[in-house]
Amino acid sequence: MSGAQELAKSLVKNKSVKFLNLFNNKIGYDGALEFGKTLSTNSTLEFIEFGHNRIRNKGLLAIGEGISKNPNTSISTLGLCFNFLSDDGIIDFLKQLFSGKQGSKCKVSSIYVKNNSVNEYGLFSLKRAYDGLNIKVNIDLFDKLKYLDTEKLDRTIWVHPLVTTRHELKHFFETTQKCGIVVDVRIRKGPKWPNRT
């Protein structure tokens, strides 16, 4: 059994620890699953920093299931940065927490999800889902929206992964597909997106 699983089990009957920092501990799905079980009964923990681990979408749903099952949960803040989460995974997590009979009792007020697998298109999908749930939760990723030109994004075509050059892509849309004048082609540089689970 992993250290994360052991730690999670030890917190089932916790009555004193309110803040838990698990940043950068290589916690994967099994650890997240055990924390989900713990959070289904623990009513003392208020803040958990899961940042820079490997919980992925599946692990996030396990954590969300635990919180949503617990009518006495005190969790108000979750740190989830650098966990290979996608916009779909975060949306499913929010729905899990804030829809259904326990949704009105959920105390989560801040979620930190920067530096995951969410591109600009995914960010807008996430914001639409968030608005649809009509909730008041601070999500740090939304800070980025003020720097994005929504009018331009409405006329944006998202291509991933890019298998051609900028010039070839511009020519394809302008000439072959007759989409009009392509003003800009941007290629995002950085690490490859991790597999979504």
N, C-alpha and C. Protein backbone atom coordinates (compact mmCIF):
# COMPACT_ATOMS: atom_id res chain seq x y z
N MET A 1 0.85 -1.18 0.00
CA MET A 1 0.00 0.00 0.00
C MET A 1 0.89 1.24 0.00
N SER A 2 0.51 2.26 -0.75
CA SER A 2 1.33 3.46 -0.86
C SER A 2 1.19 4.34 0.38
N GLY A 3 2.15 5.26 0.53
CA GLY A 3 2.12 6.18 1.65
C GLY A 3 0.87 7.05 1.63
N ALA A 4 0.43 7.45 0.42
CA ALA A 4 -0.77 8.28 0.31
C ALA A 4 -1.99 7.53 0.80
N GLN A 5 -2.08 6.25 0.48
CA GLN A 5 -3.22 5.44 0.92
C GLN A 5 -3.21 5.30 2.44
N GLU A 6 -2.02 5.06 2.99
CA GLU A 6 -1.88 4.92 4.45
C GLU A 6 -2.28 6.22 5.15
N LEU A 7 -1.80 7.34 4.60
CA LEU A 7 -2.11 8.65 5.19
C LEU A 7 -3.62 8.91 5.13
N ALA A 8 -4.22 8.62 3.99
CA ALA A 8 -5.66 8.83 3.85
C ALA A 8 -6.43 8.01 4.88
N LYS A 9 -6.05 6.75 5.06
CA LYS A 9 -6.72 5.89 6.03
C LYS A 9 -6.57 6.42 7.44
N SER A 10 -5.39 6.99 7.73
CA SER A 10 -5.14 7.51 9.08
C SER A 10 -5.99 8.74 9.39
N LEU A 11 -6.52 9.40 8.35
CA LEU A 11 -7.30 10.62 8.55
C LEU A 11 -8.81 10.37 8.61
N VAL A 12 -9.21 9.11 8.52
CA VAL A 12 -10.65 8.81 8.53
C VAL A 12 -11.29 9.31 9.82
N LYS A 13 -10.64 9.10 10.94
CA LYS A 13 -11.21 9.51 12.23
C LYS A 13 -10.54 10.78 12.77
N ASN A 14 -9.86 11.50 11.90
CA ASN A 14 -9.18 12.73 12.31
C ASN A 14 -10.15 13.75 12.90
N LYS A 15 -9.76 14.34 14.01
CA LYS A 15 -10.58 15.38 14.64
C LYS A 15 -9.81 16.68 14.84
N SER A 16 -8.55 16.73 14.38
CA SER A 16 -7.75 17.93 14.64
C SER A 16 -7.11 18.56 13.41
N VAL A 17 -6.68 17.76 12.43
CA VAL A 17 -6.01 18.30 11.25
C VAL A 17 -7.03 18.97 10.33
N LYS A 18 -6.80 20.29 10.05
CA LYS A 18 -7.70 21.03 9.18
C LYS A 18 -7.06 21.35 7.83
N PHE A 19 -5.74 21.49 7.82
CA PHE A 19 -5.02 21.87 6.60
C PHE A 19 -4.00 20.79 6.27
N LEU A 20 -4.05 20.29 5.04
CA LEU A 20 -3.17 19.20 4.63
C LEU A 20 -2.48 19.57 3.32
N ASN A 21 -1.16 19.59 3.33
CA ASN A 21 -0.38 19.94 2.14
C ASN A 21 0.31 18.68 1.62
N LEU A 22 -0.15 18.20 0.46
CA LEU A 22 0.39 16.99 -0.15
C LEU A 22 1.09 17.31 -1.48
N PHE A 23 1.56 18.53 -1.62
CA PHE A 23 2.17 19.00 -2.85
C PHE A 23 3.37 18.14 -3.24
N ASN A 24 3.39 17.69 -4.51
CA ASN A 24 4.52 16.98 -5.10
C ASN A 24 4.90 15.71 -4.35
N ASN A 25 3.95 14.79 -4.26
CA ASN A 25 4.19 13.51 -3.58
C ASN A 25 3.92 12.30 -4.45
N LYS A 26 3.80 12.49 -5.75
CA LYS A 26 3.56 11.39 -6.69
C LYS A 26 2.30 10.59 -6.37
N ILE A 27 1.29 11.29 -5.91
CA ILE A 27 0.02 10.63 -5.60
C ILE A 27 -0.73 10.38 -6.90
N GLY A 28 -1.10 9.15 -7.11
CA GLY A 28 -1.82 8.76 -8.32
C GLY A 28 -3.27 8.42 -8.01
N TYR A 29 -3.87 7.65 -8.91
CA TYR A 29 -5.29 7.31 -8.77
C TYR A 29 -5.58 6.55 -7.48
N ASP A 30 -4.74 5.56 -7.13
CA ASP A 30 -5.00 4.76 -5.93
C ASP A 30 -5.02 5.63 -4.68
N GLY A 31 -4.08 6.57 -4.59
CA GLY A 31 -4.06 7.49 -3.45
C GLY A 31 -5.28 8.39 -3.45
N ALA A 32 -5.66 8.89 -4.64
CA ALA A 32 -6.84 9.76 -4.74
C ALA A 32 -8.10 8.99 -4.37
N LEU A 33 -8.18 7.73 -4.78
CA LEU A 33 -9.33 6.89 -4.44
C LEU A 33 -9.47 6.74 -2.93
N GLU A 34 -8.35 6.52 -2.26
CA GLU A 34 -8.37 6.37 -0.80
C GLU A 34 -8.75 7.69 -0.12
N PHE A 35 -8.25 8.80 -0.67
CA PHE A 35 -8.64 10.11 -0.11
C PHE A 35 -10.13 10.36 -0.33
N GLY A 36 -10.66 9.90 -1.44
CA GLY A 36 -12.09 10.02 -1.67
C GLY A 36 -12.89 9.30 -0.60
N LYS A 37 -12.44 8.10 -0.23
CA LYS A 37 -13.11 7.34 0.83
C LYS A 37 -13.03 8.09 2.16
N THR A 38 -11.85 8.65 2.44
CA THR A 38 -11.66 9.40 3.68
C THR A 38 -12.57 10.63 3.72
N LEU A 39 -12.64 11.34 2.60
CA LEU A 39 -13.43 12.57 2.55
C LEU A 39 -14.93 12.31 2.60
N SER A 40 -15.33 11.06 2.41
CA SER A 40 -16.76 10.74 2.52
C SER A 40 -17.21 10.70 3.97
N THR A 41 -16.26 10.65 4.91
CA THR A 41 -16.61 10.63 6.34
C THR A 41 -15.95 11.74 7.16
N ASN A 42 -14.79 12.21 6.75
CA ASN A 42 -14.07 13.22 7.52
C ASN A 42 -14.80 14.56 7.48
N SER A 43 -15.00 15.15 8.64
CA SER A 43 -15.69 16.44 8.71
C SER A 43 -14.80 17.55 9.25
N THR A 44 -13.51 17.27 9.41
CA THR A 44 -12.58 18.24 10.00
C THR A 44 -11.73 18.96 8.96
N LEU A 45 -11.25 18.23 7.94
CA LEU A 45 -10.38 18.83 6.93
C LEU A 45 -11.09 19.96 6.19
N GLU A 46 -10.40 21.10 6.05
CA GLU A 46 -10.95 22.26 5.34
C GLU A 46 -10.18 22.58 4.07
N PHE A 47 -8.90 22.30 4.05
CA PHE A 47 -8.03 22.67 2.93
C PHE A 47 -7.12 21.49 2.60
N ILE A 48 -7.07 21.09 1.34
CA ILE A 48 -6.12 20.06 0.91
C ILE A 48 -5.41 20.54 -0.34
N GLU A 49 -4.11 20.49 -0.30
CA GLU A 49 -3.27 20.84 -1.46
C GLU A 49 -2.82 19.54 -2.11
N PHE A 50 -3.44 19.20 -3.25
CA PHE A 50 -3.07 18.02 -4.02
C PHE A 50 -2.16 18.38 -5.19
N GLY A 51 -1.69 19.61 -5.26
CA GLY A 51 -0.94 20.09 -6.41
C GLY A 51 0.30 19.27 -6.73
N HIS A 52 0.63 19.22 -8.02
CA HIS A 52 1.84 18.58 -8.54
C HIS A 52 1.89 17.10 -8.20
N ASN A 53 0.77 16.43 -8.43
CA ASN A 53 0.71 14.98 -8.27
C ASN A 53 0.22 14.38 -9.57
N ARG A 54 -0.34 13.19 -9.53
CA ARG A 54 -0.77 12.50 -10.76
C ARG A 54 -2.18 11.94 -10.61
N ILE A 55 -3.06 12.72 -10.06
CA ILE A 55 -4.39 12.16 -9.76
C ILE A 55 -5.25 12.01 -11.01
N ARG A 56 -5.04 12.83 -12.03
CA ARG A 56 -5.77 12.77 -13.29
C ARG A 56 -7.29 12.86 -13.08
N ASN A 57 -8.03 12.82 -14.17
CA ASN A 57 -9.48 13.00 -14.09
C ASN A 57 -10.15 11.94 -13.21
N LYS A 58 -9.71 10.71 -13.36
CA LYS A 58 -10.31 9.61 -12.61
C LYS A 58 -10.13 9.79 -11.10
N GLY A 59 -8.94 10.21 -10.71
CA GLY A 59 -8.67 10.45 -9.29
C GLY A 59 -9.46 11.63 -8.77
N LEU A 60 -9.59 12.67 -9.61
CA LEU A 60 -10.37 13.84 -9.21
C LEU A 60 -11.83 13.46 -8.95
N LEU A 61 -12.37 12.60 -9.79
CA LEU A 61 -13.75 12.15 -9.60
C LEU A 61 -13.90 11.33 -8.31
N ALA A 62 -12.87 10.58 -7.96
CA ALA A 62 -12.92 9.81 -6.71
C ALA A 62 -12.94 10.76 -5.51
N ILE A 63 -12.15 11.82 -5.58
CA ILE A 63 -12.13 12.82 -4.52
C ILE A 63 -13.49 13.54 -4.46
N GLY A 64 -14.00 13.90 -5.62
CA GLY A 64 -15.30 14.57 -5.68
C GLY A 64 -16.42 13.71 -5.15
N GLU A 65 -16.36 12.42 -5.44
CA GLU A 65 -17.40 11.51 -4.95
C GLU A 65 -17.41 11.48 -3.42
N GLY A 66 -16.20 11.44 -2.84
CA GLY A 66 -16.11 11.44 -1.37
C GLY A 66 -16.69 12.70 -0.76
N ILE A 67 -16.32 13.85 -1.32
CA ILE A 67 -16.83 15.13 -0.80
C ILE A 67 -18.34 15.21 -0.96
N SER A 68 -18.84 14.83 -2.13
CA SER A 68 -20.28 14.96 -2.39
C SER A 68 -21.12 14.00 -1.56
N LYS A 69 -20.55 12.89 -1.11
CA LYS A 69 -21.29 11.93 -0.28
C LYS A 69 -21.38 12.36 1.18
N ASN A 70 -20.53 13.30 1.57
CA ASN A 70 -20.42 13.67 2.98
C ASN A 70 -21.25 14.92 3.30
N PRO A 71 -22.38 14.76 3.99
CA PRO A 71 -23.20 15.93 4.31
C PRO A 71 -22.55 16.85 5.34
N ASN A 72 -21.51 16.36 6.03
CA ASN A 72 -20.83 17.16 7.06
C ASN A 72 -19.44 17.62 6.64
N THR A 73 -19.15 17.57 5.35
CA THR A 73 -17.82 17.96 4.89
C THR A 73 -17.50 19.41 5.25
N SER A 74 -16.24 19.68 5.54
CA SER A 74 -15.78 21.04 5.81
C SER A 74 -14.84 21.54 4.72
N ILE A 75 -14.60 20.73 3.69
CA ILE A 75 -13.67 21.11 2.62
C ILE A 75 -14.14 22.39 1.95
N SER A 76 -13.28 23.41 2.00
CA SER A 76 -13.60 24.69 1.36
C SER A 76 -12.61 25.04 0.25
N THR A 77 -11.39 24.50 0.33
CA THR A 77 -10.35 24.85 -0.64
C THR A 77 -9.60 23.61 -1.10
N LEU A 78 -9.43 23.50 -2.43
CA LEU A 78 -8.68 22.39 -3.00
C LEU A 78 -7.61 22.93 -3.95
N GLY A 79 -6.37 22.50 -3.75
CA GLY A 79 -5.29 22.81 -4.67
C GLY A 79 -5.10 21.63 -5.61
N LEU A 80 -5.28 21.85 -6.92
CA LEU A 80 -5.24 20.75 -7.89
C LEU A 80 -4.33 21.05 -9.09
N CYS A 81 -3.45 22.03 -8.95
CA CYS A 81 -2.57 22.39 -10.06
C CYS A 81 -1.64 21.24 -10.42
N PHE A 82 -1.20 21.19 -11.68
CA PHE A 82 -0.24 20.18 -12.15
C PHE A 82 -0.69 18.75 -11.84
N ASN A 83 -1.87 18.36 -12.28
CA ASN A 83 -2.36 17.01 -12.03
C ASN A 83 -2.88 16.32 -13.28
N PHE A 84 -2.53 16.84 -14.47
CA PHE A 84 -2.94 16.24 -15.73
C PHE A 84 -4.47 16.20 -15.87
N LEU A 85 -5.13 17.23 -15.38
CA LEU A 85 -6.59 17.31 -15.46
C LEU A 85 -7.01 17.99 -16.75
N SER A 86 -8.08 17.52 -17.36
CA SER A 86 -8.61 18.15 -18.57
C SER A 86 -9.82 19.00 -18.20
N ASP A 87 -10.27 19.82 -19.14
CA ASP A 87 -11.48 20.61 -18.90
C ASP A 87 -12.67 19.70 -18.66
N ASP A 88 -12.77 18.59 -19.38
CA ASP A 88 -13.88 17.65 -19.17
C ASP A 88 -13.85 17.08 -17.76
N GLY A 89 -12.66 16.74 -17.28
CA GLY A 89 -12.53 16.20 -15.92
C GLY A 89 -12.94 17.21 -14.87
N ILE A 90 -12.55 18.46 -15.06
CA ILE A 90 -12.91 19.50 -14.10
C ILE A 90 -14.41 19.78 -14.14
N ILE A 91 -14.98 19.78 -15.34
CA ILE A 91 -16.43 19.98 -15.48
C ILE A 91 -17.19 18.86 -14.76
N ASP A 92 -16.78 17.61 -14.98
CA ASP A 92 -17.43 16.48 -14.32
C ASP A 92 -17.32 16.60 -12.80
N PHE A 93 -16.17 17.06 -12.34
CA PHE A 93 -15.94 17.25 -10.91
C PHE A 93 -16.89 18.31 -10.34
N LEU A 94 -17.01 19.43 -11.04
CA LEU A 94 -17.92 20.50 -10.57
C LEU A 94 -19.37 20.02 -10.55
N LYS A 95 -19.76 19.28 -11.58
CA LYS A 95 -21.13 18.74 -11.61
C LYS A 95 -21.36 17.79 -10.45
N GLN A 96 -20.34 17.00 -10.17
CA GLN A 96 -20.43 16.04 -9.08
C GLN A 96 -20.64 16.75 -7.74
N LEU A 97 -19.92 17.86 -7.55
CA LEU A 97 -20.00 18.59 -6.28
C LEU A 97 -21.27 19.42 -6.15
N PHE A 98 -21.71 20.04 -7.24
CA PHE A 98 -22.73 21.08 -7.12
C PHE A 98 -24.08 20.76 -7.76
N SER A 99 -24.26 19.57 -8.26
CA SER A 99 -25.59 19.21 -8.72
C SER A 99 -26.04 18.00 -7.92
N GLY A 100 -27.30 17.78 -7.83
CA GLY A 100 -27.81 16.70 -7.00
C GLY A 100 -28.20 17.20 -5.62
N LYS A 101 -28.64 16.29 -4.78
CA LYS A 101 -29.19 16.68 -3.49
C LYS A 101 -28.15 17.26 -2.54
N GLN A 102 -26.88 16.87 -2.66
CA GLN A 102 -25.85 17.40 -1.76
C GLN A 102 -25.27 18.72 -2.26
N GLY A 103 -25.55 19.08 -3.53
CA GLY A 103 -24.94 20.25 -4.14
C GLY A 103 -25.10 21.53 -3.35
N SER A 104 -26.27 21.73 -2.77
CA SER A 104 -26.51 22.97 -2.04
C SER A 104 -25.74 23.02 -0.72
N LYS A 105 -25.28 21.86 -0.24
CA LYS A 105 -24.56 21.81 1.03
C LYS A 105 -23.04 21.87 0.85
N CYS A 106 -22.59 21.79 -0.38
CA CYS A 106 -21.14 21.77 -0.63
C CYS A 106 -20.52 23.09 -0.19
N LYS A 107 -19.43 23.01 0.56
CA LYS A 107 -18.78 24.21 1.11
C LYS A 107 -17.56 24.65 0.30
N VAL A 108 -17.24 23.93 -0.78
CA VAL A 108 -16.06 24.27 -1.57
C VAL A 108 -16.24 25.67 -2.15
N SER A 109 -15.29 26.56 -1.85
CA SER A 109 -15.39 27.95 -2.32
C SER A 109 -14.21 28.37 -3.18
N SER A 110 -13.10 27.60 -3.16
CA SER A 110 -11.93 27.93 -3.98
C SER A 110 -11.30 26.65 -4.52
N ILE A 111 -11.04 26.67 -5.84
CA ILE A 111 -10.38 25.54 -6.49
C ILE A 111 -9.25 26.09 -7.35
N TYR A 112 -8.05 25.56 -7.15
CA TYR A 112 -6.88 26.01 -7.89
C TYR A 112 -6.50 24.93 -8.90
N VAL A 113 -6.70 25.23 -10.19
CA VAL A 113 -6.49 24.23 -11.24
C VAL A 113 -5.58 24.70 -12.37
N LYS A 114 -4.82 25.76 -12.15
CA LYS A 114 -3.91 26.22 -13.20
C LYS A 114 -2.87 25.14 -13.49
N ASN A 115 -2.29 25.23 -14.68
CA ASN A 115 -1.21 24.32 -15.10
C ASN A 115 -1.67 22.86 -15.18
N ASN A 116 -2.83 22.68 -15.78
CA ASN A 116 -3.31 21.35 -16.12
C ASN A 116 -3.48 21.30 -17.63
N SER A 117 -4.17 20.31 -18.15
CA SER A 117 -4.32 20.13 -19.59
C SER A 117 -5.55 20.84 -20.13
N VAL A 118 -5.64 22.14 -19.90
CA VAL A 118 -6.79 22.93 -20.35
C VAL A 118 -6.29 24.03 -21.28
N ASN A 119 -6.65 23.94 -22.57
CA ASN A 119 -6.26 24.99 -23.52
C ASN A 119 -7.34 26.08 -23.52
N GLU A 120 -7.20 27.07 -24.40
CA GLU A 120 -8.16 28.17 -24.42
C GLU A 120 -9.58 27.70 -24.74
N TYR A 121 -9.70 26.79 -25.69
CA TYR A 121 -11.02 26.26 -26.04
C TYR A 121 -11.64 25.55 -24.84
N GLY A 122 -10.84 24.73 -24.17
CA GLY A 122 -11.31 24.02 -22.98
C GLY A 122 -11.70 24.96 -21.86
N LEU A 123 -10.97 26.07 -21.77
CA LEU A 123 -11.27 27.06 -20.74
C LEU A 123 -12.67 27.65 -20.95
N PHE A 124 -13.01 27.92 -22.21
CA PHE A 124 -14.35 28.45 -22.49
C PHE A 124 -15.41 27.40 -22.24
N SER A 125 -15.14 26.14 -22.54
CA SER A 125 -16.09 25.06 -22.24
C SER A 125 -16.31 24.96 -20.73
N LEU A 126 -15.22 25.07 -20.00
CA LEU A 126 -15.28 25.01 -18.54
C LEU A 126 -16.11 26.17 -17.99
N LYS A 127 -15.89 27.37 -18.53
CA LYS A 127 -16.63 28.54 -18.05
C LYS A 127 -18.12 28.42 -18.37
N ARG A 128 -18.46 27.91 -19.54
CA ARG A 128 -19.88 27.71 -19.88
C ARG A 128 -20.55 26.73 -18.92
N ALA A 129 -19.85 25.64 -18.62
CA ALA A 129 -20.41 24.65 -17.69
C ALA A 129 -20.54 25.26 -16.29
N TYR A 130 -19.55 26.02 -15.88
CA TYR A 130 -19.56 26.68 -14.57
C TYR A 130 -20.76 27.63 -14.47
N ASP A 131 -20.95 28.44 -15.51
CA ASP A 131 -22.08 29.38 -15.53
C ASP A 131 -23.41 28.64 -15.50
N GLY A 132 -23.47 27.49 -16.19
CA GLY A 132 -24.69 26.70 -16.22
C GLY A 132 -25.05 26.12 -14.86
N LEU A 133 -24.05 25.85 -14.03
CA LEU A 133 -24.30 25.32 -12.70
C LEU A 133 -24.73 26.41 -11.72
N ASN A 134 -24.51 27.68 -12.12
CA ASN A 134 -24.92 28.81 -11.29
C ASN A 134 -24.34 28.72 -9.88
N ILE A 135 -23.03 28.55 -9.81
CA ILE A 135 -22.36 28.43 -8.52
C ILE A 135 -21.42 29.61 -8.29
N LYS A 136 -21.02 29.78 -7.04
CA LYS A 136 -20.10 30.85 -6.67
C LYS A 136 -18.84 30.23 -6.09
N VAL A 137 -17.96 29.79 -6.96
CA VAL A 137 -16.71 29.17 -6.55
C VAL A 137 -15.58 29.91 -7.25
N ASN A 138 -14.56 30.28 -6.52
CA ASN A 138 -13.40 30.93 -7.13
C ASN A 138 -12.53 29.87 -7.80
N ILE A 139 -12.40 29.97 -9.13
CA ILE A 139 -11.54 29.06 -9.88
C ILE A 139 -10.43 29.89 -10.50
N ASP A 140 -9.21 29.67 -10.06
CA ASP A 140 -8.09 30.53 -10.47
C ASP A 140 -7.86 30.56 -11.97
N LEU A 141 -8.22 29.53 -12.68
CA LEU A 141 -8.01 29.45 -14.12
C LEU A 141 -8.79 30.53 -14.87
N PHE A 142 -9.90 30.99 -14.31
CA PHE A 142 -10.71 32.00 -14.97
C PHE A 142 -10.02 33.36 -15.04
N ASP A 143 -8.97 33.55 -14.26
CA ASP A 143 -8.20 34.81 -14.34
C ASP A 143 -7.69 35.04 -15.75
N LYS A 144 -7.41 33.95 -16.45
CA LYS A 144 -6.85 34.04 -17.80
C LYS A 144 -7.85 34.61 -18.81
N LEU A 145 -9.13 34.49 -18.52
CA LEU A 145 -10.16 34.95 -19.46
C LEU A 145 -10.07 36.44 -19.77
N LYS A 146 -9.61 37.22 -18.81
CA LYS A 146 -9.54 38.66 -19.05
C LYS A 146 -8.47 39.03 -20.07
N TYR A 147 -7.56 38.10 -20.37
CA TYR A 147 -6.50 38.36 -21.35
C TYR A 147 -6.83 37.80 -22.73
N LEU A 148 -7.95 37.10 -22.85
CA LEU A 148 -8.32 36.50 -24.13
C LEU A 148 -9.39 37.34 -24.82
N ASP A 149 -9.25 37.54 -26.09
CA ASP A 149 -10.19 38.29 -26.88
C ASP A 149 -11.33 37.36 -27.30
N THR A 150 -12.48 37.47 -26.64
CA THR A 150 -13.58 36.54 -26.91
C THR A 150 -14.11 36.66 -28.33
N GLU A 151 -14.10 37.86 -28.88
CA GLU A 151 -14.58 38.03 -30.26
C GLU A 151 -13.72 37.23 -31.23
N LYS A 152 -12.41 37.27 -31.00
CA LYS A 152 -11.50 36.54 -31.88
C LYS A 152 -11.65 35.03 -31.67
N LEU A 153 -11.87 34.63 -30.43
CA LEU A 153 -12.00 33.20 -30.14
C LEU A 153 -13.26 32.61 -30.75
N ASP A 154 -14.30 33.42 -30.92
CA ASP A 154 -15.52 32.93 -31.57
C ASP A 154 -15.28 32.57 -33.02
N ARG A 155 -14.21 33.12 -33.61
CA ARG A 155 -13.89 32.84 -35.01
C ARG A 155 -12.61 32.00 -35.11
N THR A 156 -12.34 31.23 -34.09
CA THR A 156 -11.11 30.46 -34.03
C THR A 156 -11.38 29.00 -34.37
N ILE A 157 -10.47 28.40 -35.13
CA ILE A 157 -10.51 26.97 -35.42
C ILE A 157 -9.38 26.34 -34.63
N TRP A 158 -9.70 25.33 -33.84
CA TRP A 158 -8.70 24.67 -33.00
C TRP A 158 -8.24 23.39 -33.68
N VAL A 159 -6.94 23.25 -33.88
CA VAL A 159 -6.37 22.07 -34.52
C VAL A 159 -5.34 21.48 -33.56
N HIS A 160 -5.55 20.22 -33.19
CA HIS A 160 -4.60 19.58 -32.29
C HIS A 160 -4.59 18.09 -32.58
N PRO A 161 -3.49 17.44 -32.74
CA PRO A 161 -2.15 18.03 -32.79
C PRO A 161 -1.86 18.61 -34.17
N LEU A 162 -0.99 19.57 -34.21
CA LEU A 162 -0.62 20.21 -35.46
C LEU A 162 0.35 19.30 -36.22
N VAL A 163 -0.02 18.96 -37.45
CA VAL A 163 0.81 18.03 -38.22
C VAL A 163 1.39 18.70 -39.47
N THR A 164 1.37 20.00 -39.49
CA THR A 164 1.84 20.72 -40.66
C THR A 164 2.49 22.03 -40.24
N THR A 165 2.96 22.79 -41.21
CA THR A 165 3.56 24.09 -40.90
C THR A 165 2.49 25.18 -40.88
N ARG A 166 2.83 26.34 -40.38
CA ARG A 166 1.91 27.48 -40.36
C ARG A 166 1.46 27.83 -41.78
N HIS A 167 2.43 27.89 -42.69
CA HIS A 167 2.13 28.27 -44.08
C HIS A 167 1.16 27.28 -44.72
N GLU A 168 1.40 25.97 -44.54
CA GLU A 168 0.52 24.95 -45.12
C GLU A 168 -0.88 25.02 -44.52
N LEU A 169 -0.95 25.26 -43.22
CA LEU A 169 -2.24 25.36 -42.55
C LEU A 169 -3.02 26.57 -43.05
N LYS A 170 -2.35 27.70 -43.20
CA LYS A 170 -2.96 28.93 -43.71
C LYS A 170 -3.48 28.69 -45.14
N HIS A 171 -2.66 28.07 -45.98
CA HIS A 171 -3.04 27.77 -47.36
C HIS A 171 -4.25 26.83 -47.39
N PHE A 172 -4.25 25.82 -46.53
CA PHE A 172 -5.35 24.85 -46.48
C PHE A 172 -6.69 25.55 -46.22
N PHE A 173 -6.73 26.43 -45.23
CA PHE A 173 -8.00 27.09 -44.90
C PHE A 173 -8.38 28.18 -45.89
N GLU A 174 -7.40 28.92 -46.38
CA GLU A 174 -7.71 30.01 -47.31
C GLU A 174 -8.06 29.49 -48.71
N THR A 175 -7.25 28.58 -49.24
CA THR A 175 -7.39 28.15 -50.62
C THR A 175 -8.24 26.89 -50.77
N THR A 176 -7.84 25.83 -50.10
CA THR A 176 -8.53 24.56 -50.25
C THR A 176 -9.95 24.62 -49.69
N GLN A 177 -10.10 25.15 -48.48
CA GLN A 177 -11.41 25.20 -47.84
C GLN A 177 -12.17 26.50 -48.07
N LYS A 178 -11.51 27.48 -48.68
CA LYS A 178 -12.12 28.78 -49.00
C LYS A 178 -12.81 29.42 -47.79
N CYS A 179 -12.04 29.48 -46.69
CA CYS A 179 -12.57 30.06 -45.45
C CYS A 179 -12.37 31.57 -45.36
N GLY A 180 -11.79 32.17 -46.36
CA GLY A 180 -11.50 33.59 -46.28
C GLY A 180 -10.05 33.81 -45.90
N ILE A 181 -9.74 35.01 -45.48
CA ILE A 181 -8.36 35.34 -45.15
C ILE A 181 -8.06 34.88 -43.72
N VAL A 182 -6.98 34.12 -43.58
CA VAL A 182 -6.53 33.69 -42.26
C VAL A 182 -5.55 34.74 -41.76
N VAL A 183 -5.91 35.42 -40.68
CA VAL A 183 -5.10 36.52 -40.16
C VAL A 183 -3.88 36.00 -39.42
N ASP A 184 -4.04 34.92 -38.67
CA ASP A 184 -2.94 34.47 -37.82
C ASP A 184 -3.02 32.96 -37.63
N VAL A 185 -1.87 32.33 -37.56
CA VAL A 185 -1.77 30.93 -37.19
C VAL A 185 -0.79 30.87 -36.03
N ARG A 186 -1.26 30.42 -34.89
CA ARG A 186 -0.38 30.33 -33.73
C ARG A 186 -0.12 28.87 -33.41
N ILE A 187 1.10 28.59 -33.07
CA ILE A 187 1.47 27.23 -32.67
C ILE A 187 1.89 27.28 -31.22
N ARG A 188 1.19 26.53 -30.39
CA ARG A 188 1.52 26.50 -28.97
C ARG A 188 2.76 25.66 -28.77
N LYS A 189 3.74 26.24 -28.10
CA LYS A 189 4.96 25.49 -27.80
C LYS A 189 4.94 25.08 -26.35
N GLY A 190 5.52 23.98 -26.08
CA GLY A 190 5.55 23.49 -24.71
C GLY A 190 5.47 21.99 -24.71
N PRO A 191 5.28 21.42 -23.53
CA PRO A 191 5.24 19.96 -23.43
C PRO A 191 4.00 19.40 -24.10
N LYS A 192 4.09 18.14 -24.49
CA LYS A 192 2.94 17.47 -25.08
C LYS A 192 1.85 17.34 -24.03
N TRP A 193 0.61 17.38 -24.50
CA TRP A 193 -0.50 17.19 -23.58
C TRP A 193 -0.48 15.73 -23.12
N PRO A 194 -0.68 15.50 -21.83
CA PRO A 194 -0.73 14.11 -21.36
C PRO A 194 -2.01 13.43 -21.83
N ASN A 195 -1.98 12.11 -21.83
CA ASN A 195 -3.19 11.36 -22.19
C ASN A 195 -4.30 11.67 -21.19
N ARG A 196 -5.52 11.81 -21.71
CA ARG A 196 -6.65 12.06 -20.82
C ARG A 196 -7.19 10.71 -20.35
N THR A 197 -7.46 10.64 -19.07
CA THR A 197 -8.06 9.42 -18.53
C THR A 197 -9.32 9.75 -17.80
